[in-house]
Structures are given as structure tokens and as C-alpha cells.
C-alpha atoms as a PDB file:
ATOM      1  CA  MET A   1       1.390  24.478  15.947  1.00  0.00           C
ATOM      2  CA  ILE A   2       1.472  20.693  16.099  1.00  0.00           C
ATOM      3  CA  GLY A   3      -1.826  18.819  16.086  1.00  0.00           C
ATOM      4  CA  GLU A   4      -2.855  15.443  17.431  1.00  0.00           C
ATOM      5  CA  PRO A   5      -0.881  12.322  16.458  1.00  0.00           C
ATOM      6  CA  GLY A   6      -2.422   9.782  14.125  1.00  0.00           C
ATOM      7  CA  LYS A   7      -3.218   6.118  14.602  1.00  0.00           C
ATOM      8  CA  SER A   8      -0.506   3.510  15.071  1.00  0.00           C
ATOM      9  CA  ARG A   9      -1.062   0.517  12.792  1.00  0.00           C
ATOM     10  CA  ASP A  10       0.382  -2.960  12.417  1.00  0.00           C
ATOM     11  CA  LEU A  11       0.371  -3.690   8.685  1.00  0.00           C
ATOM     12  CA  ARG A  12       1.973  -7.117   8.851  1.00  0.00           C
ATOM     13  CA  TRP A  13      -1.474  -8.539   8.124  1.00  0.00           C
ATOM     14  CA  PHE A  14      -1.435  -6.737   4.765  1.00  0.00           C
ATOM     15  CA  LEU A  15       1.928  -8.310   3.924  1.00  0.00           C
ATOM     16  CA  ILE A  16       0.579 -11.748   4.853  1.00  0.00           C
ATOM     17  CA  CYS A  17      -2.528 -11.199   2.713  1.00  0.00           C
ATOM     18  CA  ALA A  18      -0.343 -10.048  -0.187  1.00  0.00           C
ATOM     19  CA  CYS A  19       1.785 -13.196   0.088  1.00  0.00           C
ATOM     20  CA  ILE A  20      -1.341 -15.376   0.173  1.00  0.00           C
ATOM     21  CA  ALA A  21      -2.764 -13.530  -2.831  1.00  0.00           C
ATOM     22  CA  LEU A  22       0.509 -13.912  -4.712  1.00  0.00           C
ATOM     23  CA  THR A  23       0.704 -17.643  -3.999  1.00  0.00           C
ATOM     24  CA  THR A  24      -2.974 -18.373  -4.632  1.00  0.00           C
ATOM     25  CA  ALA A  25      -3.318 -16.326  -7.794  1.00  0.00           C
ATOM     26  CA  GLY A  26      -0.066 -17.691  -9.180  1.00  0.00           C
ATOM     27  CA  SER A  27      -1.150 -21.275  -8.528  1.00  0.00           C
ATOM     28  CA  MET A  28      -4.560 -20.682 -10.095  1.00  0.00           C
ATOM     29  CA  GLN A  29      -3.034 -19.062 -13.140  1.00  0.00           C
ATOM     30  CA  VAL A  30      -0.632 -21.960 -13.673  1.00  0.00           C
ATOM     31  CA  LEU A  31      -3.531 -24.396 -13.262  1.00  0.00           C
ATOM     32  CA  GLN A  32      -5.699 -22.507 -15.744  1.00  0.00           C
ATOM     33  CA  TRP A  33      -2.959 -22.365 -18.359  1.00  0.00           C
ATOM     34  CA  GLY A  34      -2.320 -26.074 -17.805  1.00  0.00           C
ATOM     35  CA  ASN A  35      -5.999 -26.866 -18.321  1.00  0.00           C
ATOM     36  CA  ARG A  36      -6.070 -24.684 -21.417  1.00  0.00           C
ATOM     37  CA  ARG A  37      -3.103 -26.498 -22.933  1.00  0.00           C
ATOM     38  CA  ALA A  38      -4.566 -29.899 -22.101  1.00  0.00           C
ATOM     39  CA  GLY A  39      -7.910 -28.891 -23.610  1.00  0.00           C
ATOM     40  CA  ILE A  40      -6.313 -27.719 -26.819  1.00  0.00           C
ATOM     41  CA  GLU A  41      -4.376 -30.951 -27.144  1.00  0.00           C
ATOM     42  CA  GLN A  42      -7.536 -33.019 -26.583  1.00  0.00           C
ATOM     43  CA  VAL A  43      -9.652 -31.251 -29.183  1.00  0.00           C
ATOM     44  CA  GLY A  44      -6.811 -30.620 -31.574  1.00  0.00           C
ATOM     45  CA  SER A  45      -7.434 -26.882 -31.370  1.00  0.00           C
ATOM     46  CA  ARG A  46     -10.781 -27.440 -33.135  1.00  0.00           C
ATOM     47  CA  PRO A  47     -12.818 -24.184 -33.199  1.00  0.00           C
ATOM     48  CA  ASP A  48     -16.113 -24.053 -31.371  1.00  0.00           C
ATOM     49  CA  ARG A  49     -18.848 -23.661 -34.009  1.00  0.00           C
ATOM     50  CA  ASN A  50     -21.042 -21.486 -31.802  1.00  0.00           C
ATOM     51  CA  SER A  51     -18.492 -18.991 -30.495  1.00  0.00           C
ATOM     52  CA  GLY A  52     -15.924 -18.945 -33.248  1.00  0.00           C
ATOM     53  CA  HIS A  53     -13.186 -19.490 -30.619  1.00  0.00           C
ATOM     54  CA  ASP A  54     -11.279 -22.476 -29.418  1.00  0.00           C
ATOM     55  CA  SER A  55     -13.370 -22.754 -26.256  1.00  0.00           C
ATOM     56  CA  PRO A  56     -10.874 -24.388 -23.838  1.00  0.00           C
ATOM     57  CA  GLY A  57      -8.242 -21.774 -24.635  1.00  0.00           C
ATOM     58  CA  PHE A  58     -10.684 -18.884 -24.498  1.00  0.00           C
ATOM     59  CA  ASP A  59     -12.138 -19.909 -21.124  1.00  0.00           C
ATOM     60  CA  GLY A  60      -8.714 -20.614 -19.669  1.00  0.00           C
ATOM     61  CA  LEU A  61      -7.384 -17.254 -20.774  1.00  0.00           C
ATOM     62  CA  GLY A  62     -10.344 -15.380 -19.267  1.00  0.00           C
ATOM     63  CA  SER A  63     -10.043 -17.168 -15.929  1.00  0.00           C
ATOM     64  CA  ALA A  64      -6.301 -16.635 -15.812  1.00  0.00           C
ATOM     65  CA  CYS A  65      -6.718 -12.898 -16.424  1.00  0.00           C
ATOM     66  CA  PHE A  66      -9.318 -12.664 -13.642  1.00  0.00           C
ATOM     67  CA  THR A  67      -7.155 -14.459 -11.088  1.00  0.00           C
ATOM     68  CA  SER A  68      -4.213 -12.301 -12.134  1.00  0.00           C
ATOM     69  CA  ARG A  69      -6.038  -8.973 -11.634  1.00  0.00           C
ATOM     70  CA  PHE A  70      -8.129  -9.790  -8.544  1.00  0.00           C
ATOM     71  CA  PRO A  71      -5.321  -9.592  -5.925  1.00  0.00           C
ATOM     72  CA  ARG A  72      -4.090  -6.306  -7.381  1.00  0.00           C
ATOM     73  CA  THR A  73      -7.630  -4.884  -7.323  1.00  0.00           C
ATOM     74  CA  TRP A  74      -8.593  -5.529  -3.715  1.00  0.00           C
ATOM     75  CA  THR A  75      -5.140  -4.829  -2.269  1.00  0.00           C
ATOM     76  CA  GLY A  76      -4.998  -1.677  -4.407  1.00  0.00           C
ATOM     77  CA  ASP A  77      -8.257  -0.493  -2.829  1.00  0.00           C
ATOM     78  CA  LEU A  78      -6.846  -1.067   0.656  1.00  0.00           C
ATOM     79  CA  TRP A  79      -3.671   0.781  -0.340  1.00  0.00           C
ATOM     80  CA  LEU A  80      -5.724   3.806  -1.418  1.00  0.00           C
ATOM     81  CA  VAL A  81      -7.654   3.816   1.877  1.00  0.00           C
ATOM     82  CA  TRP A  82      -4.381   3.675   3.794  1.00  0.00           C
ATOM     83  CA  LEU A  83      -2.877   6.445   1.639  1.00  0.00           C
ATOM     84  CA  TYR A  84      -5.845   8.699   2.367  1.00  0.00           C
ATOM     85  CA  LYS A  85      -5.715   8.089   6.122  1.00  0.00           C
ATOM     86  CA  ILE A  86      -2.002   8.732   6.598  1.00  0.00           C
ATOM     87  CA  HIS A  87      -2.172  11.966   4.608  1.00  0.00           C
ATOM     88  CA  ALA A  88      -5.178  13.120   6.623  1.00  0.00           C
ATOM     89  CA  GLU A  89      -3.254  12.404   9.819  1.00  0.00           C
ATOM     90  CA  MET A  90      -0.135  14.190   8.627  1.00  0.00           C
ATOM     91  CA  ARG A  91      -2.112  17.253   7.516  1.00  0.00           C
ATOM     92  CA  ASN A  92      -3.768  17.369  10.929  1.00  0.00           C
ATOM     93  CA  TYR A  93      -0.482  16.887  12.776  1.00  0.00           C
ATOM     94  CA  THR A  94       1.280  19.657  10.844  1.00  0.00           C
ATOM     95  CA  GLY A  95      -1.651  22.041  11.107  1.00  0.00           C
ATOM     96  CA  GLY A  96      -2.306  21.839   7.352  1.00  0.00           C
ATOM     97  CA  ARG A  97       1.282  22.624   6.372  1.00  0.00           C
ATOM     98  CA  TYR A  98       1.999  19.256   4.811  1.00  0.00           C
ATOM     99  CA  PRO A  99       1.684  20.005   1.068  1.00  0.00           C
ATOM    100  CA  ILE A 100      -0.273  16.899   0.012  1.00  0.00           C
ATOM    101  CA  SER A 101      -3.893  16.765   1.139  1.00  0.00           C
ATOM    102  CA  PRO A 102      -5.614  13.376   1.536  1.00  0.00           C
ATOM    103  CA  GLY A 103      -7.902  14.156  -1.408  1.00  0.00           C
ATOM    104  CA  LYS A 104      -4.948  15.009  -3.620  1.00  0.00           C
ATOM    105  CA  ALA A 105      -3.024  11.930  -2.466  1.00  0.00           C
ATOM    106  CA  VAL A 106      -5.801   9.628  -3.655  1.00  0.00           C
ATOM    107  CA  GLY A 107      -7.270  11.698  -6.486  1.00  0.00           C
ATOM    108  CA  PHE A 108      -4.018  11.984  -8.422  1.00  0.00           C
ATOM    109  CA  CYS A 109      -3.813   8.167  -8.463  1.00  0.00           C
ATOM    110  CA  PHE A 110      -6.669   8.191 -10.996  1.00  0.00           C
ATOM    111  CA  ILE A 111      -5.075  10.544 -13.540  1.00  0.00           C
ATOM    112  CA  PRO A 112      -4.029   8.416 -16.534  1.00  0.00           C
ATOM    113  CA  PHE A 113      -0.262   8.102 -17.033  1.00  0.00           C
ATOM    114  CA  TYR A 114       0.504  10.747 -14.379  1.00  0.00           C
ATOM    115  CA  ASN A 115      -0.692   8.267 -11.757  1.00  0.00           C
ATOM    116  CA  LEU A 116       2.314   6.034 -12.515  1.00  0.00           C
ATOM    117  CA  TYR A 117       4.536   8.843 -11.240  1.00  0.00           C
ATOM    118  CA  TRP A 118       2.231   9.853  -8.398  1.00  0.00           C
ATOM    119  CA  MET A 119       1.881   6.360  -6.908  1.00  0.00           C
ATOM    120  CA  VAL A 120       5.645   6.409  -6.401  1.00  0.00           C
ATOM    121  CA  TYR A 121       6.001  10.056  -5.413  1.00  0.00           C
ATOM    122  CA  ALA A 122       3.294  10.312  -2.718  1.00  0.00           C
ATOM    123  CA  PRO A 123       4.686   7.536  -0.432  1.00  0.00           C
ATOM    124  CA  PHE A 124       8.250   8.699  -1.153  1.00  0.00           C
ATOM    125  CA  LYS A 125       7.372  12.271  -0.147  1.00  0.00           C
ATOM    126  CA  MET A 126       5.717  11.020   3.041  1.00  0.00           C
ATOM    127  CA  ALA A 127       8.836   9.000   3.891  1.00  0.00           C
ATOM    128  CA  GLN A 128      11.032  12.063   3.325  1.00  0.00           C
ATOM    129  CA  ASN A 129       8.798  14.158   5.550  1.00  0.00           C
ATOM    130  CA  LEU A 130       8.961  11.581   8.318  1.00  0.00           C
ATOM    131  CA  GLU A 131      12.737  11.719   8.296  1.00  0.00           C
ATOM    132  CA  THR A 132      12.597  15.458   9.023  1.00  0.00           C
ATOM    133  CA  PHE A 133      10.884  14.553  12.303  1.00  0.00           C
ATOM    134  CA  LEU A 134      12.648  11.288  13.120  1.00  0.00           C
ATOM    135  CA  GLY A 135      16.128  11.760  11.707  1.00  0.00           C
ATOM    136  CA  GLU A 136      17.888  10.612   8.561  1.00  0.00           C
ATOM    137  CA  GLY A 137      17.919   6.886   7.869  1.00  0.00           C
ATOM    138  CA  THR A 138      14.910   6.016  10.016  1.00  0.00           C
ATOM    139  CA  VAL A 139      12.421   5.460   7.187  1.00  0.00           C
ATOM    140  CA  GLN A 140      14.746   5.173   4.155  1.00  0.00           C
ATOM    141  CA  PRO A 141      12.719   6.982   1.451  1.00  0.00           C
ATOM    142  CA  ASN A 142      14.809   5.525  -1.362  1.00  0.00           C
ATOM    143  CA  GLN A 143      13.725   2.011  -0.390  1.00  0.00           C
ATOM    144  CA  VAL A 144      10.103   3.138  -0.338  1.00  0.00           C
ATOM    145  CA  MET A 145      10.584   4.572  -3.838  1.00  0.00           C
ATOM    146  CA  VAL A 146      12.128   1.339  -5.127  1.00  0.00           C
ATOM    147  CA  PHE A 147       9.310  -0.786  -3.676  1.00  0.00           C
ATOM    148  CA  GLN A 148       6.686   1.458  -5.285  1.00  0.00           C
ATOM    149  CA  ILE A 149       8.442   1.346  -8.659  1.00  0.00           C
ATOM    150  CA  LEU A 150       8.596  -2.452  -8.464  1.00  0.00           C
ATOM    151  CA  SER A 151       4.895  -2.542  -7.582  1.00  0.00           C
ATOM    152  CA  ILE A 152       4.254  -1.029 -11.021  1.00  0.00           C
ATOM    153  CA  VAL A 153       6.991  -2.741 -13.049  1.00  0.00           C
ATOM    154  CA  PRO A 154       7.065  -5.748 -12.886  1.00  0.00           C
ATOM    155  CA  GLY A 155       4.201  -5.742 -10.360  1.00  0.00           C
ATOM    156  CA  GLU A 156       1.532  -4.976 -12.964  1.00  0.00           C
ATOM    157  CA  PHE A 157       2.624  -7.878 -15.158  1.00  0.00           C
ATOM    158  CA  ILE A 158       3.326 -10.672 -12.659  1.00  0.00           C
ATOM    159  CA  THR A 159       0.410 -12.080 -10.721  1.00  0.00           C
ATOM    160  CA  GLY A 160       0.162 -10.673  -7.193  1.00  0.00           C
ATOM    161  CA  LEU A 161       3.647  -9.177  -7.179  1.00  0.00           C
ATOM    162  CA  GLY A 162       2.383  -5.583  -7.152  1.00  0.00           C
ATOM    163  CA  ALA A 163       0.477  -6.194  -3.922  1.00  0.00           C
ATOM    164  CA  LEU A 164       3.606  -7.599  -2.296  1.00  0.00           C
ATOM    165  CA  PHE A 165       5.761  -4.567  -3.125  1.00  0.00           C
ATOM    166  CA  ASP A 166       2.960  -2.221  -2.064  1.00  0.00           C
ATOM    167  CA  ALA A 167       2.910  -4.002   1.283  1.00  0.00           C
ATOM    168  CA  LEU A 168       6.671  -3.625   1.737  1.00  0.00           C
ATOM    169  CA  ALA A 169       6.483   0.122   1.041  1.00  0.00           C
ATOM    170  CA  MET A 170       3.512   0.502   3.390  1.00  0.00           C
ATOM    171  CA  LEU A 171       5.383  -1.253   6.196  1.00  0.00           C
ATOM    172  CA  LYS A 172       8.334   1.120   5.873  1.00  0.00           C
ATOM    173  CA  VAL A 173       6.191   4.254   5.938  1.00  0.00           C
ATOM    174  CA  GLN A 174       3.796   3.072   8.639  1.00  0.00           C
ATOM    175  CA  ARG A 175       6.611   2.053  10.971  1.00  0.00           C
ATOM    176  CA  GLY A 176       7.967   5.573  10.659  1.00  0.00           C
ATOM    177  CA  LEU A 177       4.548   7.013  11.397  1.00  0.00           C
ATOM    178  CA  ASN A 178       4.107   4.709  14.391  1.00  0.00           C
ATOM    179  CA  GLU A 179       7.435   5.855  15.804  1.00  0.00           C
ATOM    180  CA  LEU A 180       6.524   9.513  15.291  1.00  0.00           C
ATOM    181  CA  TRP A 181       3.145   9.123  16.964  1.00  0.00           C
ATOM    182  CA  ASP A 182       4.739   7.243  19.878  1.00  0.00           C
ATOM    183  CA  ARG A 183       7.249  10.042  20.371  1.00  0.00           C
ATOM    184  CA  VAL A 184       4.504  12.665  20.286  1.00  0.00           C
ATOM    185  CA  ARG A 185       2.387  10.801  22.835  1.00  0.00           C
ATOM    186  CA  THR A 186       5.382  10.212  25.109  1.00  0.00           C
ATOM    187  CA  ALA A 187       6.325  13.900  24.988  1.00  0.00           C
ATOM    188  CA  ALA A 188       2.718  14.930  25.685  1.00  0.00           C
ATOM    189  CA  ALA A 189       2.530  12.558  28.651  1.00  0.00           C
ATOM    190  CA  ALA A 190       5.802  13.936  30.024  1.00  0.00           C
ATOM    191  CA  ARG A 191       4.515  17.513  29.747  1.00  0.00           C
ATOM    192  CA  THR A 192       1.324  16.517  31.542  1.00  0.00           C
ATOM    193  CA  ASP A 193       3.311  14.932  34.378  1.00  0.00           C
ATOM    194  CA  VAL A 194       5.417  18.100  34.750  1.00  0.00           C
ATOM    195  CA  GLN A 195       2.297  20.258  34.835  1.00  0.00           C
ATOM    196  CA  ILE A 196       0.676  18.035  37.470  1.00  0.00           C
ATOM    197  CA  GLU A 197       3.838  18.038  39.545  1.00  0.00           C
ATOM    198  CA  GLY A 198       4.090  21.849  39.258  1.00  0.00           C
ATOM    199  CA  ALA A 199       0.466  22.282  40.256  1.00  0.00           C
ATOM    200  CA  ALA A 200       0.954  19.995  43.234  1.00  0.00           C
ATOM    201  CA  ARG A 201       3.979  21.963  44.377  1.00  0.00           C
ATOM    202  CA  GLY A 202       2.119  25.245  43.942  1.00  0.00           C
ATOM    203  CA  GLY A 203      -0.777  23.958  45.968  1.00  0.00           C
ATOM    204  CA  SER A 204       1.410  22.810  48.820  1.00  0.00           C
ATOM    205  CA  ALA A 205       3.361  26.082  48.989  1.00  0.00           C
END
């Protein structure tokens, strides 16, 4: 038995936010490293007596690390929320037959080391499942897999790049989901029209 369709979403805003995060964080990181280098040159790399560190370099490094991780953190949280929702919708639509529950989809992302595999596998599996409903080539699971791999390497090491590849994978999967939900709603509306027409004919007989 097929359940209710899920929610259609336009995730272009996520892609735009990822691009902004990539550009902003990259610019800030370059600026911080530039300030650090200029500070070291001005003080001649003289250690700070109080901290035991070369203070311009230490501060610049800390700020650069923060601006590098921040985009990945908040976009990663949004990605997890989205992952939970689409798996909840698919489980509902398939009457619980879809093998990955929403709790499992998100929970396995927090298992050390295994999560590197799971963050690629879960969206890839969803894309494969969508093609069983929509037809081969509609979602292109292999592209989703490549985007998710790139979101980890080099995405984890280049400022903001992980968020961008996450967004590209999300767009592919969500477009497939949107098409599936549209087809389900169209078919349901057509069945309703046939039933109304049949009832009207029966009443007039």
C-alpha cells in the first residue's frame, strides 16, 4: 500500500547559501592569513612574553580555522534535517518498506569513521530508490554519490567546498522526490475525478 506523498521543496536557496558561505569564508580566511603574515613581519616573529606564542600568528590561525569550519557546521545541520525529513517521507510513502528509517539515516552519520561511508551511501540509496519509481536516468545516483564523496574529500579541507557539494547532491535527490510527489498527486487527482464522474453517472441513471 502506498502512503501519502511528501513535501515538494525548492533547494536552490541552499545552493545560493552554500556559494555565499564558500565565497565569504574563503575571503575571510585569505584575509586572516594575510594579516597573520603581515603581523609576523612587523614584529619579526617575536614571541609574546605572556602567552608563549607569536600572538599575531596564533590569533590569525584561530580565526581562520573558525571561518573555515563555520559554513560546514551550519550547512551540515541543515543537511541532516533534510536527510531526516526525506527518509521519513519515503518510509511513509512506502508503508514502512523503505529499509532506511529517518532515525537510522541521521544517527549513522554520528558513528566515527563509518559515517564517512554512510554520508555517501544514504543519499545514493535514496537516489537509486527514486529511479525504481521514476525510471532509470531520472535522478542519476552515480552523480549523487560523486557529489557526496567530494563533499568529504576535498570538501572537509577546503573552506566551504563541502557545503557546495552537499547542495548539489541535495538538488539532484530533491528534484527526483518533487517529481515523484507530483506524479502521485496527479494520479490521485485523476482517480478522484473518475470517481466523481462515475458517481454522477450513477446518480443520473
